Amino acid sequence: MQNLPKISIITPNFNGRSHILETYTSIKSQTYSEWEWIIVDDNSEDGSREIIKSISAQDPRIKTILFEQNMGAATARNCGIEASSGEFIAFLDVDDYWESNKVELFLTRMIENSWDMCYGNYIKMKQSGDIGKDIIKTPKEITFDDLLKTCSICTSTTIMKRSIVGNVRMKAELRRGQDYVFWLEILKNNCSKAYRASDLPLTRYRVGNGESLSSNKLKKAYGQWNIYRQHLKIGFIDSLRYFVSYAYWGYKKYKLF
C-alpha cells in the first residue's frame, strides 16, 4: 500500500505476559506496514519486560518505555502519545487483537472521507481466547452528545489524526473511564464527529474476569455518575437523563457474549 503516513500504535502493559506475543503478532501481521508500536510497561512483575525487550531487539519499529513504578494505564497511554511520531494514533490494549486488514482498511477510509477519527464494530473474547457469538455493533457516526448517552467507542478500535489530539490527555486521577473522558473532550473541542470505519468486527476485545474494573458494574455506574457531575460539570437533571440512557445501553451491550 503506497503513500500512506505512519501510524503510532500505543499499548500500555501491566503484567500482560500471557498476551504480549499474540498482540504483537496481530500488529506484525497487518497488511499495512508503515507503523510504530509504542509499548509502555507499567512496572510489570510477571516477566513481561523480558518479552518486550526480546521482541523490540528484533523489530526496529517497536519503541519501549519502561516505568520504574506503577503509574496506571492513563499515564502509560499519555506517555505513549508524547513519544509517538505518526500522523495517526491508535490504541491497542495488550490483551486485545486486530484482524490483519484492520489498519489498512481504517486508514484508507479515513483518508478517502477526510475523517479525523474513526472506530469500529468488535467481538468480545474470553480470557481463554474463545470468541463470542455476537458482534458489538456501533452507530455509523458519534457526536459529543451521542457519547454522553452511551460509550459506543471501544478504545482498541479507534484511530485518529494526531492533530485532533492536541493537548488533550487521559486523566490519570480517574480510576475508571479515562479513555471515555478522553473521547468526550476530543469530540467536544477538537472534532465534531467520529465515524464507524467498517461493519466488520476487526477487533477482538478481551473481557476481564468478574473482579476486573470493566466487569464490576456497581463501581462502574458510580464512576460514570462521577464523570457527569464532577468532571464534566453537568447539572443534576441532565446527568440523570444521560445516566439512565447509559445504563440502558450498557445493559444491552454487556449482556452479549
Protein backbone atom coordinates (compact mmCIF):
# COMPACT_ATOMS: atom_id res chain seq x y z
CA MET A 1 0.00 0.00 0.00
CA GLN A 2 1.54 3.29 -1.10
CA ASN A 3 1.61 6.90 0.09
CA LEU A 4 0.03 6.45 3.49
CA PRO A 5 1.66 8.03 6.53
CA LYS A 6 2.93 6.40 9.67
CA ILE A 7 0.54 5.24 12.38
CA SER A 8 1.63 5.10 16.01
CA ILE A 9 0.08 2.18 17.90
CA ILE A 10 0.14 2.68 21.67
CA THR A 11 -0.14 -0.22 24.12
CA PRO A 12 0.02 0.08 27.91
CA ASN A 13 1.17 -3.12 29.59
CA PHE A 14 0.91 -4.25 33.18
CA ASN A 15 1.53 -7.94 33.82
CA GLY A 16 0.35 -8.84 30.32
CA ARG A 17 2.96 -11.53 29.74
CA SER A 18 0.43 -14.11 28.54
CA HIS A 19 -0.88 -11.85 25.76
CA ILE A 20 2.05 -9.70 24.59
CA LEU A 21 3.21 -12.04 21.81
CA GLU A 22 -0.32 -12.50 20.49
CA THR A 23 -0.84 -8.74 20.40
CA TYR A 24 2.49 -8.24 18.63
CA THR A 25 1.56 -10.90 16.09
CA SER A 26 -1.67 -9.06 15.30
CA ILE A 27 0.32 -5.86 14.66
CA LYS A 28 3.14 -7.52 12.73
CA SER A 29 0.57 -9.30 10.54
CA GLN A 30 -1.09 -6.08 9.40
CA THR A 31 -1.31 -5.63 5.64
CA TYR A 32 -0.23 -2.05 6.26
CA SER A 33 3.40 -1.91 7.34
CA GLU A 34 4.13 1.77 7.98
CA TRP A 35 3.65 1.63 11.75
CA GLU A 36 5.47 2.06 15.00
CA TRP A 37 4.43 0.19 18.13
CA ILE A 38 4.95 2.03 21.39
CA ILE A 39 4.59 -0.35 24.30
CA VAL A 40 4.70 1.26 27.73
CA ASP A 41 5.37 -1.20 30.54
CA ASP A 42 3.81 -0.02 33.80
CA ASN A 43 6.36 -1.67 36.12
CA SER A 44 5.20 -5.24 35.43
CA GLU A 45 6.20 -8.03 37.80
CA ASP A 46 5.41 -11.09 35.68
CA GLY A 47 8.38 -11.20 33.32
CA SER A 48 6.71 -9.02 30.69
CA ARG A 49 9.78 -6.85 30.34
CA GLU A 50 11.95 -9.69 29.17
CA ILE A 51 9.49 -10.45 26.38
CA ILE A 52 9.20 -6.78 25.44
CA LYS A 53 12.97 -6.37 25.30
CA SER A 54 13.32 -9.50 23.20
CA ILE A 55 10.82 -8.55 20.51
CA SER A 56 11.94 -4.90 20.40
CA ALA A 57 15.51 -6.04 19.78
CA GLN A 58 14.29 -7.86 16.67
CA ASP A 59 11.97 -5.17 15.27
CA PRO A 60 13.13 -1.53 15.00
CA ARG A 61 9.54 -0.37 14.63
CA ILE A 62 8.97 -1.09 18.33
CA LYS A 63 9.61 1.62 20.90
CA THR A 64 9.67 0.58 24.55
CA ILE A 65 9.12 2.73 27.61
CA LEU A 66 9.72 1.09 30.98
CA PHE A 67 8.22 2.70 34.09
CA GLU A 68 10.06 2.17 37.37
CA GLN A 69 6.85 2.49 39.37
CA ASN A 70 3.24 1.68 38.62
CA MET A 71 1.53 4.76 37.19
CA GLY A 72 -1.69 3.42 35.69
CA ALA A 73 -2.99 2.95 32.15
CA ALA A 74 -3.87 6.61 31.60
CA THR A 75 -0.33 7.80 32.34
CA ALA A 76 1.09 4.99 30.21
CA ARG A 77 -1.08 5.96 27.24
CA ASN A 78 -0.23 9.65 27.71
CA CYS A 79 3.46 8.78 27.72
CA GLY A 80 2.91 6.81 24.52
CA ILE A 81 1.25 9.82 22.89
CA GLU A 82 4.19 12.02 23.84
CA ALA A 83 6.66 9.51 22.38
CA SER A 84 4.73 8.92 19.16
CA SER A 85 5.79 10.26 15.78
CA GLY A 86 2.97 9.12 13.48
CA GLU A 87 0.40 11.34 11.81
CA PHE A 88 -2.21 8.87 13.04
CA ILE A 89 -2.59 7.43 16.53
CA ALA A 90 -4.23 4.16 17.56
CA PHE A 91 -4.60 2.38 20.88
CA LEU A 92 -4.43 -1.39 21.25
CA ASP A 93 -4.67 -2.87 24.73
CA VAL A 94 -2.23 -5.66 25.48
CA ASP A 95 -4.93 -8.33 25.72
CA ASP A 96 -6.85 -7.30 22.58
CA TYR A 97 -6.29 -8.36 18.99
CA TRP A 98 -6.64 -6.92 15.47
CA GLU A 99 -7.50 -8.72 12.27
CA SER A 100 -4.76 -8.34 9.66
CA ASN A 101 -6.54 -5.80 7.43
CA LYS A 102 -7.73 -3.53 10.25
CA VAL A 103 -5.23 -0.69 9.93
CA GLU A 104 -5.20 -0.60 6.13
CA LEU A 105 -8.98 -0.54 5.87
CA PHE A 106 -9.42 2.12 8.56
CA LEU A 107 -6.71 4.44 7.24
CA THR A 108 -7.94 4.12 3.66
CA ARG A 109 -11.46 5.14 4.65
CA MET A 110 -10.23 7.95 6.87
CA ILE A 111 -8.21 9.46 4.04
CA GLU A 112 -10.87 8.90 1.37
CA ASN A 113 -13.56 10.54 3.52
CA SER A 114 -11.40 13.16 5.27
CA TRP A 115 -12.31 11.76 8.68
CA ASP A 116 -10.37 12.86 11.75
CA MET A 117 -11.39 9.96 13.98
CA CYS A 118 -12.93 6.55 13.47
CA TYR A 119 -13.83 3.40 15.37
CA GLY A 120 -15.42 0.07 14.54
CA ASN A 121 -17.54 -2.89 15.50
CA TYR A 122 -15.86 -5.57 17.56
CA ILE A 123 -16.28 -9.02 19.09
CA LYS A 124 -15.82 -9.92 22.73
CA MET A 125 -13.28 -12.57 23.60
CA LYS A 126 -12.91 -14.53 26.83
CA GLN A 127 -9.65 -14.77 28.74
CA SER A 128 -9.29 -18.25 27.26
CA GLY A 129 -9.43 -16.81 23.74
CA ASP A 130 -12.92 -18.13 22.98
CA ILE A 131 -14.80 -15.73 20.71
CA GLY A 132 -18.31 -14.51 21.50
CA LYS A 133 -21.18 -15.15 19.12
CA ASP A 134 -22.46 -11.59 18.82
CA ILE A 135 -20.89 -8.61 17.10
CA ILE A 136 -20.94 -5.49 19.27
CA LYS A 137 -22.43 -3.05 16.78
CA THR A 138 -21.74 0.66 16.81
CA PRO A 139 -23.51 3.67 15.24
CA LYS A 140 -22.42 5.00 11.86
CA GLU A 141 -21.30 8.24 13.50
CA ILE A 142 -20.94 9.62 17.00
CA THR A 143 -21.11 13.18 18.33
CA PHE A 144 -20.30 14.55 21.78
CA ASP A 145 -23.97 14.34 22.79
CA ASP A 146 -24.26 10.77 21.49
CA LEU A 147 -21.27 9.75 23.56
CA LEU A 148 -22.76 11.24 26.72
CA LYS A 149 -25.70 8.84 26.34
CA THR A 150 -23.62 5.72 25.81
CA CYS A 151 -19.98 4.92 25.13
CA SER A 152 -20.04 3.14 21.78
CA ILE A 153 -16.31 3.58 21.26
CA CYS A 154 -14.07 0.65 22.16
CA THR A 155 -10.57 2.01 22.75
CA SER A 156 -8.80 -0.74 20.83
CA THR A 157 -10.86 0.00 17.69
CA THR A 158 -10.02 3.70 17.43
CA ILE A 159 -7.72 5.52 15.04
CA MET A 160 -7.42 9.32 14.98
CA LYS A 161 -5.31 12.04 13.48
CA ARG A 162 -2.77 13.27 16.00
CA SER A 163 -3.78 16.83 15.03
CA ILE A 164 -7.11 16.44 16.84
CA VAL A 165 -5.47 15.10 19.97
CA GLY A 166 -3.59 18.34 20.54
CA ASN A 167 -3.02 18.87 24.25
CA VAL A 168 -5.84 16.52 25.32
CA ARG A 169 -4.59 13.71 27.53
CA MET A 170 -6.21 10.97 29.60
CA LYS A 171 -6.93 11.96 33.17
CA ALA A 172 -4.74 9.89 35.46
CA GLU A 173 -6.78 10.86 38.51
CA LEU A 174 -9.80 8.95 37.19
CA ARG A 175 -9.93 5.36 38.43
CA ARG A 176 -12.33 4.44 35.61
CA GLY A 177 -13.36 5.93 32.30
CA GLN A 178 -10.11 7.75 31.43
CA ASP A 179 -10.50 6.79 27.77
CA TYR A 180 -14.20 7.74 27.79
CA VAL A 181 -13.47 11.26 29.07
CA PHE A 182 -10.63 11.49 26.54
CA TRP A 183 -13.05 10.83 23.66
CA LEU A 184 -15.56 13.28 25.11
CA GLU A 185 -13.01 16.08 25.32
CA ILE A 186 -11.83 15.46 21.76
CA LEU A 187 -15.38 15.40 20.36
CA LYS A 188 -16.38 18.48 22.32
CA ASN A 189 -13.39 20.64 21.45
CA ASN A 190 -11.38 19.29 18.53
CA CYS A 191 -13.53 17.06 16.32
CA SER A 192 -17.29 17.31 15.81
CA LYS A 193 -17.88 13.67 14.80
CA ALA A 194 -16.25 10.26 14.82
CA TYR A 195 -17.20 7.65 12.22
CA ARG A 196 -17.52 3.88 12.01
CA ALA A 197 -14.91 2.73 9.51
CA SER A 198 -16.24 -0.77 8.94
CA ASP A 199 -19.19 -3.01 9.71
CA LEU A 200 -16.76 -5.91 10.02
CA PRO A 201 -15.61 -6.73 13.58
CA LEU A 202 -11.87 -6.30 13.03
CA THR A 203 -11.03 -6.03 16.73
CA ARG A 204 -11.32 -8.70 19.40
CA TYR A 205 -11.89 -7.19 22.84
CA ARG A 206 -10.87 -9.47 25.68
CA VAL A 207 -13.30 -9.42 28.61
CA GLY A 208 -11.80 -9.48 32.10
CA ASN A 209 -12.84 -11.75 34.93
CA GLY A 210 -15.52 -10.85 37.46
CA GLU A 211 -13.09 -8.86 39.62
CA SER A 212 -11.86 -6.65 36.81
CA LEU A 213 -12.63 -2.94 36.62
CA SER A 214 -14.64 -3.29 33.43
CA SER A 215 -16.76 -6.08 34.91
CA ASN A 216 -17.65 -4.50 38.25
CA LYS A 217 -20.95 -2.90 37.28
CA LEU A 218 -21.73 -1.06 40.53
CA LYS A 219 -18.36 0.64 40.70
CA LYS A 220 -18.55 1.46 37.02
CA ALA A 221 -22.00 3.02 37.49
CA TYR A 222 -20.69 5.20 40.31
CA GLY A 223 -17.71 6.18 38.17
CA GLN A 224 -19.99 7.14 35.29
CA TRP A 225 -22.12 9.37 37.55
CA ASN A 226 -18.96 10.98 38.89
CA ILE A 227 -17.81 11.74 35.36
CA TYR A 228 -21.04 13.56 34.57
CA ARG A 229 -21.18 15.54 37.79
CA GLN A 230 -17.57 16.14 38.83
CA HIS A 231 -15.52 16.13 35.64
CA LEU A 232 -17.98 17.38 33.03
CA LYS A 233 -19.89 19.63 35.46
CA ILE A 234 -23.26 18.62 34.02
CA GLY A 235 -26.36 19.59 36.03
CA PHE A 236 -28.21 17.00 38.11
CA ILE A 237 -31.24 16.61 35.81
CA ASP A 238 -29.22 16.31 32.63
CA SER A 239 -26.79 13.96 34.39
CA LEU A 240 -29.70 11.77 35.44
CA ARG A 241 -31.06 11.73 31.90
CA TYR A 242 -27.69 10.75 30.45
CA PHE A 243 -27.11 8.19 33.19
CA VAL A 244 -30.41 6.39 32.53
CA SER A 245 -29.56 6.19 28.83
CA TYR A 246 -26.03 5.00 29.61
CA ALA A 247 -27.31 2.27 31.95
CA TYR A 248 -29.88 1.05 29.41
CA TRP A 249 -27.46 0.79 26.52
CA GLY A 250 -24.76 -0.62 28.77
CA TYR A 251 -27.06 -3.47 29.79
CA LYS A 252 -27.89 -4.27 26.18
CA LYS A 253 -24.23 -4.24 25.16
CA TYR A 254 -22.65 -6.16 28.01
CA LYS A 255 -25.19 -8.96 28.18
CA LEU A 256 -23.86 -10.11 24.81
CA PHE A 257 -21.28 -12.86 24.96
